[in-house]
PDB file of all heavy atoms in Angstrom:
ATOM      1  N   VAL A   1      20.351   3.339   6.108  1.00  0.00           N
ATOM      2  CA  VAL A   1      19.716   4.279   5.184  1.00  0.00           C
ATOM      3  C   VAL A   1      18.717   3.537   4.315  1.00  0.00           C
ATOM      4  O   VAL A   1      19.000   2.433   3.831  1.00  0.00           O
ATOM      5  CB  VAL A   1      20.762   4.961   4.268  1.00  0.00           C
ATOM      6  CG1 VAL A   1      20.091   5.845   3.236  1.00  0.00           C
ATOM      7  CG2 VAL A   1      21.761   5.766   5.077  1.00  0.00           C
ATOM      8  N   VAL A   2      17.556   4.128   4.122  1.00  0.00           N
ATOM      9  CA  VAL A   2      16.595   3.679   3.110  1.00  0.00           C
ATOM     10  C   VAL A   2      16.423   4.868   2.170  1.00  0.00           C
ATOM     11  O   VAL A   2      16.181   5.994   2.621  1.00  0.00           O
ATOM     12  CB  VAL A   2      15.240   3.260   3.713  1.00  0.00           C
ATOM     13  CG1 VAL A   2      14.293   2.797   2.608  1.00  0.00           C
ATOM     14  CG2 VAL A   2      15.419   2.171   4.761  1.00  0.00           C
ATOM     15  N   ILE A   3      16.570   4.607   0.888  1.00  0.00           N
ATOM     16  CA  ILE A   3      16.542   5.694  -0.089  1.00  0.00           C
ATOM     17  C   ILE A   3      15.685   5.275  -1.277  1.00  0.00           C
ATOM     18  O   ILE A   3      15.608   4.096  -1.600  1.00  0.00           O
ATOM     19  CB  ILE A   3      17.980   6.050  -0.550  1.00  0.00           C
ATOM     20  CG1 ILE A   3      17.988   7.324  -1.385  1.00  0.00           C
ATOM     21  CG2 ILE A   3      18.657   4.881  -1.256  1.00  0.00           C
ATOM     22  CD1 ILE A   3      19.372   7.888  -1.619  1.00  0.00           C
ATOM     23  N   GLY A   4      15.036   6.237  -1.925  1.00  0.00           N
ATOM     24  CA  GLY A   4      14.322   5.882  -3.134  1.00  0.00           C
ATOM     25  C   GLY A   4      13.176   6.783  -3.514  1.00  0.00           C
ATOM     26  O   GLY A   4      12.952   7.835  -2.927  1.00  0.00           O
ATOM     27  N   ASN A   5      12.480   6.321  -4.507  1.00  0.00           N
ATOM     28  CA  ASN A   5      11.285   6.954  -5.057  1.00  0.00           C
ATOM     29  C   ASN A   5      10.205   5.876  -5.081  1.00  0.00           C
ATOM     30  O   ASN A   5      10.006   5.216  -6.094  1.00  0.00           O
ATOM     31  CB  ASN A   5      11.584   7.486  -6.463  1.00  0.00           C
ATOM     32  CG  ASN A   5      10.354   8.001  -7.167  1.00  0.00           C
ATOM     33  OD1 ASN A   5       9.410   8.447  -6.545  1.00  0.00           O
ATOM     34  ND2 ASN A   5      10.372   7.921  -8.485  1.00  0.00           N
ATOM     35  N   PRO A   6       9.531   5.659  -3.944  1.00  0.00           N
ATOM     36  CA  PRO A   6       8.558   4.572  -3.874  1.00  0.00           C
ATOM     37  C   PRO A   6       7.341   4.843  -4.755  1.00  0.00           C
ATOM     38  O   PRO A   6       7.044   5.990  -5.091  1.00  0.00           O
ATOM     39  CB  PRO A   6       8.171   4.538  -2.397  1.00  0.00           C
ATOM     40  CG  PRO A   6       8.450   5.901  -1.902  1.00  0.00           C
ATOM     41  CD  PRO A   6       9.607   6.421  -2.703  1.00  0.00           C
ATOM     42  N   PRO A   7       6.625   3.778  -5.107  1.00  0.00           N
ATOM     43  CA  PRO A   7       5.427   3.965  -5.927  1.00  0.00           C
ATOM     44  C   PRO A   7       4.328   4.693  -5.161  1.00  0.00           C
ATOM     45  O   PRO A   7       4.177   4.517  -3.957  1.00  0.00           O
ATOM     46  CB  PRO A   7       4.999   2.539  -6.271  1.00  0.00           C
ATOM     47  CG  PRO A   7       5.635   1.675  -5.258  1.00  0.00           C
ATOM     48  CD  PRO A   7       6.875   2.380  -4.781  1.00  0.00           C
ATOM     49  N   TYR A   8       3.593   5.502  -5.861  1.00  0.00           N
ATOM     50  CA  TYR A   8       2.452   6.206  -5.288  1.00  0.00           C
ATOM     51  C   TYR A   8       1.263   5.918  -6.186  1.00  0.00           C
ATOM     52  O   TYR A   8       1.176   6.360  -7.312  1.00  0.00           O
ATOM     53  CB  TYR A   8       2.709   7.713  -5.126  1.00  0.00           C
ATOM     54  CG  TYR A   8       3.671   8.296  -6.124  1.00  0.00           C
ATOM     55  CD1 TYR A   8       3.225   8.880  -7.295  1.00  0.00           C
ATOM     56  CD2 TYR A   8       5.039   8.249  -5.897  1.00  0.00           C
ATOM     57  CE1 TYR A   8       4.107   9.399  -8.218  1.00  0.00           C
ATOM     58  CE2 TYR A   8       5.940   8.773  -6.813  1.00  0.00           C
ATOM     59  CZ  TYR A   8       5.466   9.343  -7.968  1.00  0.00           C
ATOM     60  OH  TYR A   8       6.344   9.857  -8.881  1.00  0.00           O
ATOM     61  N   ILE A   9       0.384   5.076  -5.646  1.00  0.00           N
ATOM     62  CA  ILE A   9      -0.776   4.595  -6.408  1.00  0.00           C
ATOM     63  C   ILE A   9      -1.985   4.597  -5.474  1.00  0.00           C
ATOM     64  O   ILE A   9      -1.926   4.030  -4.382  1.00  0.00           O
ATOM     65  CB  ILE A   9      -0.548   3.165  -6.939  1.00  0.00           C
ATOM     66  CG1 ILE A   9       0.781   3.051  -7.698  1.00  0.00           C
ATOM     67  CG2 ILE A   9      -1.716   2.726  -7.828  1.00  0.00           C
ATOM     68  CD1 ILE A   9       1.209   1.623  -7.993  1.00  0.00           C
ATOM     69  N   ARG A  10      -3.050   5.202  -5.902  1.00  0.00           N
ATOM     70  CA  ARG A  10      -4.286   5.157  -5.111  1.00  0.00           C
ATOM     71  C   ARG A  10      -4.820   3.725  -5.094  1.00  0.00           C
ATOM     72  O   ARG A  10      -4.661   2.979  -6.054  1.00  0.00           O
ATOM     73  CB  ARG A  10      -5.324   6.094  -5.713  1.00  0.00           C
ATOM     74  CG  ARG A  10      -4.954   7.529  -5.523  1.00  0.00           C
ATOM     75  CD  ARG A  10      -6.073   8.418  -6.004  1.00  0.00           C
ATOM     76  NE  ARG A  10      -5.690   9.792  -5.754  1.00  0.00           N
ATOM     77  CZ  ARG A  10      -6.092  10.815  -6.465  1.00  0.00           C
ATOM     78  NH1 ARG A  10      -6.928  10.620  -7.464  1.00  0.00           N
ATOM     79  NH2 ARG A  10      -5.700  12.020  -6.178  1.00  0.00           N
ATOM     80  N   TRP A  11      -5.491   3.389  -4.004  1.00  0.00           N
ATOM     81  CA  TRP A  11      -6.038   2.038  -3.841  1.00  0.00           C
ATOM     82  C   TRP A  11      -6.843   1.623  -5.076  1.00  0.00           C
ATOM     83  O   TRP A  11      -6.670   0.521  -5.581  1.00  0.00           O
ATOM     84  CB  TRP A  11      -6.904   1.969  -2.586  1.00  0.00           C
ATOM     85  CG  TRP A  11      -7.568   0.628  -2.425  1.00  0.00           C
ATOM     86  CD1 TRP A  11      -8.774   0.249  -2.930  1.00  0.00           C
ATOM     87  CD2 TRP A  11      -7.025  -0.505  -1.775  1.00  0.00           C
ATOM     88  NE1 TRP A  11      -9.024  -1.059  -2.618  1.00  0.00           N
ATOM     89  CE2 TRP A  11      -7.964  -1.548  -1.902  1.00  0.00           C
ATOM     90  CE3 TRP A  11      -5.848  -0.752  -1.082  1.00  0.00           C
ATOM     91  CZ2 TRP A  11      -7.758  -2.816  -1.363  1.00  0.00           C
ATOM     92  CZ3 TRP A  11      -5.641  -2.004  -0.539  1.00  0.00           C
ATOM     93  CH2 TRP A  11      -6.587  -3.020  -0.682  1.00  0.00           C
ATOM     94  N   LYS A  12      -7.719   2.489  -5.548  1.00  0.00           N
ATOM     95  CA  LYS A  12      -8.610   2.129  -6.661  1.00  0.00           C
ATOM     96  C   LYS A  12      -7.824   1.800  -7.935  1.00  0.00           C
ATOM     97  O   LYS A  12      -8.339   1.111  -8.813  1.00  0.00           O
ATOM     98  CB  LYS A  12      -9.622   3.236  -6.930  1.00  0.00           C
ATOM     99  CG  LYS A  12      -9.029   4.507  -7.483  1.00  0.00           C
ATOM    100  CD  LYS A  12     -10.095   5.551  -7.726  1.00  0.00           C
ATOM    101  CE  LYS A  12      -9.477   6.786  -8.369  1.00  0.00           C
ATOM    102  NZ  LYS A  12     -10.455   7.765  -8.728  1.00  0.00           N
ATOM    103  N   ASN A  13      -6.567   2.254  -8.033  1.00  0.00           N
ATOM    104  CA  ASN A  13      -5.760   1.999  -9.223  1.00  0.00           C
ATOM    105  C   ASN A  13      -4.783   0.836  -9.062  1.00  0.00           C
ATOM    106  O   ASN A  13      -4.059   0.508 -10.007  1.00  0.00           O
ATOM    107  CB  ASN A  13      -4.990   3.266  -9.612  1.00  0.00           C
ATOM    108  CG  ASN A  13      -5.922   4.384 -10.005  1.00  0.00           C
ATOM    109  OD1 ASN A  13      -6.998   4.162 -10.554  1.00  0.00           O
ATOM    110  ND2 ASN A  13      -5.538   5.609  -9.698  1.00  0.00           N
ATOM    111  N   LEU A  14      -4.748   0.216  -7.887  1.00  0.00           N
ATOM    112  CA  LEU A  14      -3.867  -0.933  -7.674  1.00  0.00           C
ATOM    113  C   LEU A  14      -4.422  -2.154  -8.386  1.00  0.00           C
ATOM    114  O   LEU A  14      -5.643  -2.348  -8.450  1.00  0.00           O
ATOM    115  CB  LEU A  14      -3.752  -1.251  -6.180  1.00  0.00           C
ATOM    116  CG  LEU A  14      -2.951  -0.285  -5.318  1.00  0.00           C
ATOM    117  CD1 LEU A  14      -3.116  -0.655  -3.842  1.00  0.00           C
ATOM    118  CD2 LEU A  14      -1.495  -0.271  -5.712  1.00  0.00           C
ATOM    119  N   ASN A  15      -3.534  -3.024  -8.863  1.00  0.00           N
ATOM    120  CA  ASN A  15      -4.015  -4.267  -9.452  1.00  0.00           C
ATOM    121  C   ASN A  15      -4.472  -5.215  -8.342  1.00  0.00           C
ATOM    122  O   ASN A  15      -4.168  -5.020  -7.157  1.00  0.00           O
ATOM    123  CB  ASN A  15      -2.966  -4.894 -10.382  1.00  0.00           C
ATOM    124  CG  ASN A  15      -1.754  -5.430  -9.648  1.00  0.00           C
ATOM    125  OD1 ASN A  15      -1.857  -6.032  -8.578  1.00  0.00           O
ATOM    126  ND2 ASN A  15      -0.582  -5.218 -10.221  1.00  0.00           N
ATOM    127  N   LYS A  16      -5.200  -6.224  -8.719  1.00  0.00           N
ATOM    128  CA  LYS A  16      -5.818  -7.143  -7.755  1.00  0.00           C
ATOM    129  C   LYS A  16      -4.776  -7.803  -6.849  1.00  0.00           C
ATOM    130  O   LYS A  16      -4.976  -7.938  -5.644  1.00  0.00           O
ATOM    131  CB  LYS A  16      -6.625  -8.209  -8.499  1.00  0.00           C
ATOM    132  CG  LYS A  16      -7.387  -9.146  -7.597  1.00  0.00           C
ATOM    133  CD  LYS A  16      -8.196 -10.141  -8.395  1.00  0.00           C
ATOM    134  CE  LYS A  16      -8.915 -11.099  -7.471  1.00  0.00           C
ATOM    135  NZ  LYS A  16      -9.708 -12.080  -8.216  1.00  0.00           N
ATOM    136  N   GLY A  17      -3.629  -8.182  -7.407  1.00  0.00           N
ATOM    137  CA  GLY A  17      -2.582  -8.837  -6.626  1.00  0.00           C
ATOM    138  C   GLY A  17      -2.037  -7.947  -5.521  1.00  0.00           C
ATOM    139  O   GLY A  17      -1.808  -8.405  -4.395  1.00  0.00           O
ATOM    140  N   LEU A  18      -1.831  -6.671  -5.821  1.00  0.00           N
ATOM    141  CA  LEU A  18      -1.331  -5.738  -4.804  1.00  0.00           C
ATOM    142  C   LEU A  18      -2.377  -5.481  -3.723  1.00  0.00           C
ATOM    143  O   LEU A  18      -2.046  -5.362  -2.546  1.00  0.00           O
ATOM    144  CB  LEU A  18      -0.888  -4.424  -5.444  1.00  0.00           C
ATOM    145  CG  LEU A  18       0.329  -4.501  -6.370  1.00  0.00           C
ATOM    146  CD1 LEU A  18       0.627  -3.130  -6.970  1.00  0.00           C
ATOM    147  CD2 LEU A  18       1.543  -5.059  -5.656  1.00  0.00           C
ATOM    148  N   LYS A  19      -3.650  -5.415  -4.117  1.00  0.00           N
ATOM    149  CA  LYS A  19      -4.711  -5.232  -3.122  1.00  0.00           C
ATOM    150  C   LYS A  19      -4.765  -6.422  -2.165  1.00  0.00           C
ATOM    151  O   LYS A  19      -4.901  -6.237  -0.944  1.00  0.00           O
ATOM    152  CB  LYS A  19      -6.062  -5.056  -3.816  1.00  0.00           C
ATOM    153  CG  LYS A  19      -6.217  -3.716  -4.495  1.00  0.00           C
ATOM    154  CD  LYS A  19      -7.568  -3.597  -5.185  1.00  0.00           C
ATOM    155  CE  LYS A  19      -7.718  -2.239  -5.853  1.00  0.00           C
ATOM    156  NZ  LYS A  19      -9.007  -2.106  -6.562  1.00  0.00           N
ATOM    157  N   ILE A  20      -4.629  -7.626  -2.702  1.00  0.00           N
ATOM    158  CA  ILE A  20      -4.633  -8.826  -1.854  1.00  0.00           C
ATOM    159  C   ILE A  20      -3.437  -8.804  -0.913  1.00  0.00           C
ATOM    160  O   ILE A  20      -3.548  -9.118   0.273  1.00  0.00           O
ATOM    161  CB  ILE A  20      -4.650 -10.104  -2.723  1.00  0.00           C
ATOM    162  CG1 ILE A  20      -6.000 -10.228  -3.435  1.00  0.00           C
ATOM    163  CG2 ILE A  20      -4.333 -11.352  -1.895  1.00  0.00           C
ATOM    164  CD1 ILE A  20      -6.049 -11.283  -4.520  1.00  0.00           C
ATOM    165  N   GLU A  21      -2.274  -8.424  -1.453  1.00  0.00           N
ATOM    166  CA  GLU A  21      -1.069  -8.347  -0.631  1.00  0.00           C
ATOM    167  C   GLU A  21      -1.264  -7.371   0.540  1.00  0.00           C
ATOM    168  O   GLU A  21      -0.898  -7.670   1.675  1.00  0.00           O
ATOM    169  CB  GLU A  21       0.124  -7.923  -1.483  1.00  0.00           C
ATOM    170  CG  GLU A  21       1.415  -7.809  -0.703  1.00  0.00           C
ATOM    171  CD  GLU A  21       2.589  -7.372  -1.548  1.00  0.00           C
ATOM    172  OE1 GLU A  21       2.399  -6.551  -2.477  1.00  0.00           O
ATOM    173  OE2 GLU A  21       3.706  -7.837  -1.274  1.00  0.00           O
ATOM    174  N   LEU A  22      -1.834  -6.223   0.279  1.00  0.00           N
ATOM    175  CA  LEU A  22      -2.060  -5.241   1.340  1.00  0.00           C
ATOM    176  C   LEU A  22      -3.113  -5.729   2.333  1.00  0.00           C
ATOM    177  O   LEU A  22      -2.960  -5.543   3.546  1.00  0.00           O
ATOM    178  CB  LEU A  22      -2.465  -3.895   0.752  1.00  0.00           C
ATOM    179  CG  LEU A  22      -1.375  -3.151  -0.011  1.00  0.00           C
ATOM    180  CD1 LEU A  22      -1.927  -1.852  -0.586  1.00  0.00           C
ATOM    181  CD2 LEU A  22      -0.159  -2.889   0.844  1.00  0.00           C
ATOM    182  N   ASP A  23      -4.175  -6.348   1.836  1.00  0.00           N
ATOM    183  CA  ASP A  23      -5.229  -6.843   2.715  1.00  0.00           C
ATOM    184  C   ASP A  23      -4.716  -7.887   3.702  1.00  0.00           C
ATOM    185  O   ASP A  23      -5.320  -8.101   4.756  1.00  0.00           O
ATOM    186  CB  ASP A  23      -6.382  -7.432   1.901  1.00  0.00           C
ATOM    187  CG  ASP A  23      -7.373  -6.373   1.438  1.00  0.00           C
ATOM    188  OD1 ASP A  23      -7.414  -5.287   2.045  1.00  0.00           O
ATOM    189  OD2 ASP A  23      -8.109  -6.645   0.470  1.00  0.00           O
ATOM    190  N   THR A  24      -3.614  -8.554   3.371  1.00  0.00           N
ATOM    191  CA  THR A  24      -3.059  -9.586   4.249  1.00  0.00           C
ATOM    192  C   THR A  24      -1.816  -9.107   4.997  1.00  0.00           C
ATOM    193  O   THR A  24      -1.209  -9.876   5.726  1.00  0.00           O
ATOM    194  CB  THR A  24      -2.712 -10.855   3.439  1.00  0.00           C
ATOM    195  OG1 THR A  24      -1.760 -10.515   2.422  1.00  0.00           O
ATOM    196  CG2 THR A  24      -3.949 -11.462   2.806  1.00  0.00           C
ATOM    197  N   ASN A  25      -1.454  -7.850   4.834  1.00  0.00           N
ATOM    198  CA  ASN A  25      -0.258  -7.301   5.470  1.00  0.00           C
ATOM    199  C   ASN A  25      -0.631  -6.644   6.803  1.00  0.00           C
ATOM    200  O   ASN A  25      -1.465  -5.738   6.838  1.00  0.00           O
ATOM    201  CB  ASN A  25       0.411  -6.289   4.531  1.00  0.00           C
ATOM    202  CG  ASN A  25       1.670  -5.714   5.110  1.00  0.00           C
ATOM    203  OD1 ASN A  25       1.624  -4.872   5.984  1.00  0.00           O
ATOM    204  ND2 ASN A  25       2.803  -6.181   4.604  1.00  0.00           N
ATOM    205  N   ILE A  26       0.003  -7.087   7.879  1.00  0.00           N
ATOM    206  CA  ILE A  26      -0.361  -6.610   9.212  1.00  0.00           C
ATOM    207  C   ILE A  26      -0.078  -5.115   9.399  1.00  0.00           C
ATOM    208  O   ILE A  26      -0.861  -4.407  10.039  1.00  0.00           O
ATOM    209  CB  ILE A  26       0.317  -7.461  10.323  1.00  0.00           C
ATOM    210  CG1 ILE A  26      -0.344  -7.221  11.676  1.00  0.00           C
ATOM    211  CG2 ILE A  26       1.798  -7.220  10.394  1.00  0.00           C
ATOM    212  CD1 ILE A  26      -1.677  -7.863  11.818  1.00  0.00           C
ATOM    213  N   LEU A  27       1.012  -4.606   8.848  1.00  0.00           N
ATOM    214  CA  LEU A  27       1.302  -3.168   8.949  1.00  0.00           C
ATOM    215  C   LEU A  27       0.206  -2.350   8.276  1.00  0.00           C
ATOM    216  O   LEU A  27      -0.230  -1.333   8.810  1.00  0.00           O
ATOM    217  CB  LEU A  27       2.649  -2.833   8.298  1.00  0.00           C
ATOM    218  CG  LEU A  27       3.889  -2.908   9.152  1.00  0.00           C
ATOM    219  CD1 LEU A  27       5.131  -2.578   8.315  1.00  0.00           C
ATOM    220  CD2 LEU A  27       3.814  -2.012  10.358  1.00  0.00           C
ATOM    221  N   TRP A  28      -0.193  -2.786   7.096  1.00  0.00           N
ATOM    222  CA  TRP A  28      -1.257  -2.082   6.375  1.00  0.00           C
ATOM    223  C   TRP A  28      -2.564  -2.146   7.170  1.00  0.00           C
ATOM    224  O   TRP A  28      -3.212  -1.138   7.399  1.00  0.00           O
ATOM    225  CB  TRP A  28      -1.445  -2.667   4.979  1.00  0.00           C
ATOM    226  CG  TRP A  28      -2.548  -2.006   4.213  1.00  0.00           C
ATOM    227  CD1 TRP A  28      -3.867  -2.379   4.167  1.00  0.00           C
ATOM    228  CD2 TRP A  28      -2.440  -0.832   3.399  1.00  0.00           C
ATOM    229  NE1 TRP A  28      -4.587  -1.516   3.376  1.00  0.00           N
ATOM    230  CE2 TRP A  28      -3.734  -0.557   2.889  1.00  0.00           C
ATOM    231  CE3 TRP A  28      -1.394   0.003   3.044  1.00  0.00           C
ATOM    232  CZ2 TRP A  28      -3.993   0.517   2.050  1.00  0.00           C
ATOM    233  CZ3 TRP A  28      -1.655   1.076   2.200  1.00  0.00           C
ATOM    234  CH2 TRP A  28      -2.946   1.327   1.714  1.00  0.00           C
ATOM    235  N   LYS A  29      -2.933  -3.352   7.574  1.00  0.00           N
ATOM    236  CA  LYS A  29      -4.217  -3.541   8.263  1.00  0.00           C
ATOM    237  C   LYS A  29      -4.298  -2.753   9.568  1.00  0.00           C
ATOM    238  O   LYS A  29      -5.361  -2.270   9.933  1.00  0.00           O
ATOM    239  CB  LYS A  29      -4.461  -5.027   8.523  1.00  0.00           C
ATOM    240  CG  LYS A  29      -4.827  -5.775   7.261  1.00  0.00           C
ATOM    241  CD  LYS A  29      -4.931  -7.276   7.361  1.00  0.00           C
ATOM    242  CE  LYS A  29      -5.359  -7.880   8.624  1.00  0.00           C
ATOM    243  NZ  LYS A  29      -5.535  -9.334   8.576  1.00  0.00           N
ATOM    244  N   ASN A  30      -3.172  -2.607  10.265  1.00  0.00           N
ATOM    245  CA  ASN A  30      -3.177  -1.908  11.551  1.00  0.00           C
ATOM    246  C   ASN A  30      -3.107  -0.389  11.424  1.00  0.00           C
ATOM    247  O   ASN A  30      -3.364   0.319  12.398  1.00  0.00           O
ATOM    248  CB  ASN A  30      -2.020  -2.377  12.426  1.00  0.00           C
ATOM    249  CG  ASN A  30      -2.245  -3.765  12.975  1.00  0.00           C
ATOM    250  OD1 ASN A  30      -3.360  -4.278  12.979  1.00  0.00           O
ATOM    251  ND2 ASN A  30      -1.179  -4.389  13.423  1.00  0.00           N
ATOM    252  N   ASN A  31      -2.746   0.119  10.246  1.00  0.00           N
ATOM    253  CA  ASN A  31      -2.490   1.553  10.133  1.00  0.00           C
ATOM    254  C   ASN A  31      -3.231   2.270   9.009  1.00  0.00           C
ATOM    255  O   ASN A  31      -3.352   3.487   9.055  1.00  0.00           O
ATOM    256  CB  ASN A  31      -0.990   1.800   9.946  1.00  0.00           C
ATOM    257  CG  ASN A  31      -0.197   1.363  11.149  1.00  0.00           C
ATOM    258  OD1 ASN A  31      -0.229   2.016  12.177  1.00  0.00           O
ATOM    259  ND2 ASN A  31       0.483   0.228  11.032  1.00  0.00           N
ATOM    260  N   PHE A  32      -3.690   1.536   8.023  1.00  0.00           N
ATOM    261  CA  PHE A  32      -4.244   2.183   6.836  1.00  0.00           C
ATOM    262  C   PHE A  32      -5.563   1.548   6.421  1.00  0.00           C
ATOM    263  O   PHE A  32      -5.978   0.541   6.973  1.00  0.00           O
ATOM    264  CB  PHE A  32      -3.241   2.129   5.684  1.00  0.00           C
ATOM    265  CG  PHE A  32      -1.878   2.655   6.043  1.00  0.00           C
ATOM    266  CD1 PHE A  32      -0.761   1.853   5.958  1.00  0.00           C
ATOM    267  CD2 PHE A  32      -1.717   3.961   6.480  1.00  0.00           C
ATOM    268  CE1 PHE A  32       0.500   2.341   6.302  1.00  0.00           C
ATOM    269  CE2 PHE A  32      -0.473   4.456   6.816  1.00  0.00           C
ATOM    270  CZ  PHE A  32       0.640   3.639   6.724  1.00  0.00           C
ATOM    271  N   ASN A  33      -6.195   2.163   5.423  1.00  0.00           N
ATOM    272  CA  ASN A  33      -7.439   1.622   4.880  1.00  0.00           C
ATOM    273  C   ASN A  33      -7.430   1.804   3.359  1.00  0.00           C
ATOM    274  O   ASN A  33      -6.451   2.269   2.791  1.00  0.00           O
ATOM    275  CB  ASN A  33      -8.649   2.298   5.532  1.00  0.00           C
ATOM    276  CG  ASN A  33      -8.675   3.789   5.282  1.00  0.00           C
ATOM    277  OD1 ASN A  33      -8.462   4.265   4.166  1.00  0.00           O
ATOM    278  ND2 ASN A  33      -8.941   4.557   6.328  1.00  0.00           N
ATOM    279  N   ARG A  34      -8.530   1.478   2.744  1.00  0.00           N
ATOM    280  CA  ARG A  34      -8.613   1.510   1.288  1.00  0.00           C
ATOM    281  C   ARG A  34      -8.722   2.919   0.705  1.00  0.00           C
ATOM    282  O   ARG A  34      -8.830   3.069  -0.501  1.00  0.00           O
ATOM    283  CB  ARG A  34      -9.763   0.631   0.815  1.00  0.00           C
ATOM    284  CG  ARG A  34      -9.476  -0.824   1.087  1.00  0.00           C
ATOM    285  CD  ARG A  34     -10.591  -1.700   0.663  1.00  0.00           C
ATOM    286  NE  ARG A  34     -10.205  -3.092   0.893  1.00  0.00           N
ATOM    287  CZ  ARG A  34     -10.811  -4.105   0.356  1.00  0.00           C
ATOM    288  NH1 ARG A  34     -11.843  -3.910  -0.435  1.00  0.00           N
ATOM    289  NH2 ARG A  34     -10.399  -5.320   0.613  1.00  0.00           N
ATOM    290  N   LEU A  35      -8.682   3.907   1.523  1.00  0.00           N
ATOM    291  CA  LEU A  35      -8.625   5.286   1.044  1.00  0.00           C
ATOM    292  C   LEU A  35      -7.186   5.807   1.034  1.00  0.00           C
ATOM    293  O   LEU A  35      -6.929   6.923   0.624  1.00  0.00           O
ATOM    294  CB  LEU A  35      -9.507   6.187   1.913  1.00  0.00           C
ATOM    295  CG  LEU A  35     -10.990   5.843   1.887  1.00  0.00           C
ATOM    296  CD1 LEU A  35     -11.742   6.688   2.906  1.00  0.00           C
ATOM    297  CD2 LEU A  35     -11.566   6.041   0.500  1.00  0.00           C
ATOM    298  N   CYS A  36      -6.278   4.965   1.500  1.00  0.00           N
ATOM    299  CA  CYS A  36      -4.869   5.349   1.590  1.00  0.00           C
ATOM    300  C   CYS A  36      -4.119   4.976   0.316  1.00  0.00           C
ATOM    301  O   CYS A  36      -4.555   4.154  -0.470  1.00  0.00           O
ATOM    302  CB  CYS A  36      -4.232   4.673   2.802  1.00  0.00           C
ATOM    303  SG  CYS A  36      -4.936   5.239   4.359  1.00  0.00           S
ATOM    304  N   ASP A  37      -2.972   5.564   0.161  1.00  0.00           N
ATOM    305  CA  ASP A  37      -2.129   5.374  -1.012  1.00  0.00           C
ATOM    306  C   ASP A  37      -1.106   4.268  -0.753  1.00  0.00           C
ATOM    307  O   ASP A  37      -0.628   4.104   0.376  1.00  0.00           O
ATOM    308  CB  ASP A  37      -1.411   6.698  -1.314  1.00  0.00           C
ATOM    309  CG  ASP A  37      -0.799   6.737  -2.681  1.00  0.00           C
ATOM    310  OD1 ASP A  37       0.247   6.084  -2.884  1.00  0.00           O
ATOM    311  OD2 ASP A  37      -1.348   7.422  -3.554  1.00  0.00           O
ATOM    312  N   TYR A  38      -0.745   3.546  -1.780  1.00  0.00           N
ATOM    313  CA  TYR A  38       0.280   2.495  -1.718  1.00  0.00           C
ATOM    314  C   TYR A  38       1.594   3.039  -1.148  1.00  0.00           C
ATOM    315  O   TYR A  38       2.335   2.333  -0.471  1.00  0.00           O
ATOM    316  CB  TYR A  38       0.479   1.961  -3.136  1.00  0.00           C
ATOM    317  CG  TYR A  38       1.256   0.681  -3.280  1.00  0.00           C
ATOM    318  CD1 TYR A  38       1.035  -0.414  -2.462  1.00  0.00           C
ATOM    319  CD2 TYR A  38       2.186   0.556  -4.299  1.00  0.00           C
ATOM    320  CE1 TYR A  38       1.734  -1.592  -2.640  1.00  0.00           C
ATOM    321  CE2 TYR A  38       2.892  -0.618  -4.490  1.00  0.00           C
ATOM    322  CZ  TYR A  38       2.663  -1.695  -3.659  1.00  0.00           C
ATOM    323  OH  TYR A  38       3.361  -2.859  -3.843  1.00  0.00           O
ATOM    324  N   LEU A  39       1.881   4.283  -1.393  1.00  0.00           N
ATOM    325  CA  LEU A  39       3.084   4.950  -0.899  1.00  0.00           C
ATOM    326  C   LEU A  39       3.233   4.811   0.613  1.00  0.00           C
ATOM    327  O   LEU A  39       4.344   4.643   1.130  1.00  0.00           O
ATOM    328  CB  LEU A  39       3.009   6.434  -1.282  1.00  0.00           C
ATOM    329  CG  LEU A  39       3.938   7.419  -0.602  1.00  0.00           C
ATOM    330  CD1 LEU A  39       5.380   7.147  -0.988  1.00  0.00           C
ATOM    331  CD2 LEU A  39       3.535   8.826  -0.967  1.00  0.00           C
ATOM    332  N   TYR A  40       2.140   4.862   1.342  1.00  0.00           N
ATOM    333  CA  TYR A  40       2.180   4.904   2.805  1.00  0.00           C
ATOM    334  C   TYR A  40       2.863   3.675   3.403  1.00  0.00           C
ATOM    335  O   TYR A  40       3.613   3.780   4.365  1.00  0.00           O
ATOM    336  CB  TYR A  40       0.781   5.042   3.401  1.00  0.00           C
ATOM    337  CG  TYR A  40       0.010   6.247   2.956  1.00  0.00           C
ATOM    338  CD1 TYR A  40      -1.313   6.413   3.323  1.00  0.00           C
ATOM    339  CD2 TYR A  40       0.577   7.236   2.145  1.00  0.00           C
ATOM    340  CE1 TYR A  40      -2.048   7.517   2.923  1.00  0.00           C
ATOM    341  CE2 TYR A  40      -0.151   8.341   1.736  1.00  0.00           C
ATOM    342  CZ  TYR A  40      -1.453   8.473   2.123  1.00  0.00           C
ATOM    343  OH  TYR A  40      -2.179   9.571   1.716  1.00  0.00           O
ATOM    344  N   ILE A  41       2.590   2.506   2.844  1.00  0.00           N
ATOM    345  CA  ILE A  41       3.190   1.282   3.386  1.00  0.00           C
ATOM    346  C   ILE A  41       4.696   1.270   3.140  1.00  0.00           C
ATOM    347  O   ILE A  41       5.465   0.755   3.950  1.00  0.00           O
ATOM    348  CB  ILE A  41       2.495   0.007   2.831  1.00  0.00           C
ATOM    349  CG1 ILE A  41       2.946  -1.242   3.587  1.00  0.00           C
ATOM    350  CG2 ILE A  41       2.734  -0.162   1.354  1.00  0.00           C
ATOM    351  CD1 ILE A  41       2.404  -1.362   4.970  1.00  0.00           C
ATOM    352  N   PHE A  42       5.146   1.869   2.047  1.00  0.00           N
ATOM    353  CA  PHE A  42       6.588   1.948   1.778  1.00  0.00           C
ATOM    354  C   PHE A  42       7.271   2.834   2.812  1.00  0.00           C
ATOM    355  O   PHE A  42       8.348   2.493   3.307  1.00  0.00           O
ATOM    356  CB  PHE A  42       6.846   2.472   0.359  1.00  0.00           C
ATOM    357  CG  PHE A  42       6.747   1.410  -0.682  1.00  0.00           C
ATOM    358  CD1 PHE A  42       5.510   1.010  -1.166  1.00  0.00           C
ATOM    359  CD2 PHE A  42       7.882   0.791  -1.183  1.00  0.00           C
ATOM    360  CE1 PHE A  42       5.404   0.017  -2.118  1.00  0.00           C
ATOM    361  CE2 PHE A  42       7.791  -0.210  -2.135  1.00  0.00           C
ATOM    362  CZ  PHE A  42       6.546  -0.601  -2.608  1.00  0.00           C
TER     363      PHE A  42
END
């Protein structure tokens, strides 16, 4: 089971560290772009 209330933040509102983390994450890079929400990777 995975349960929770994950964060939902638009790309433009993410801090620089989170943007860098996503830019280097293979799941993000293969499935999403900078118009997507942080929620999607969760």
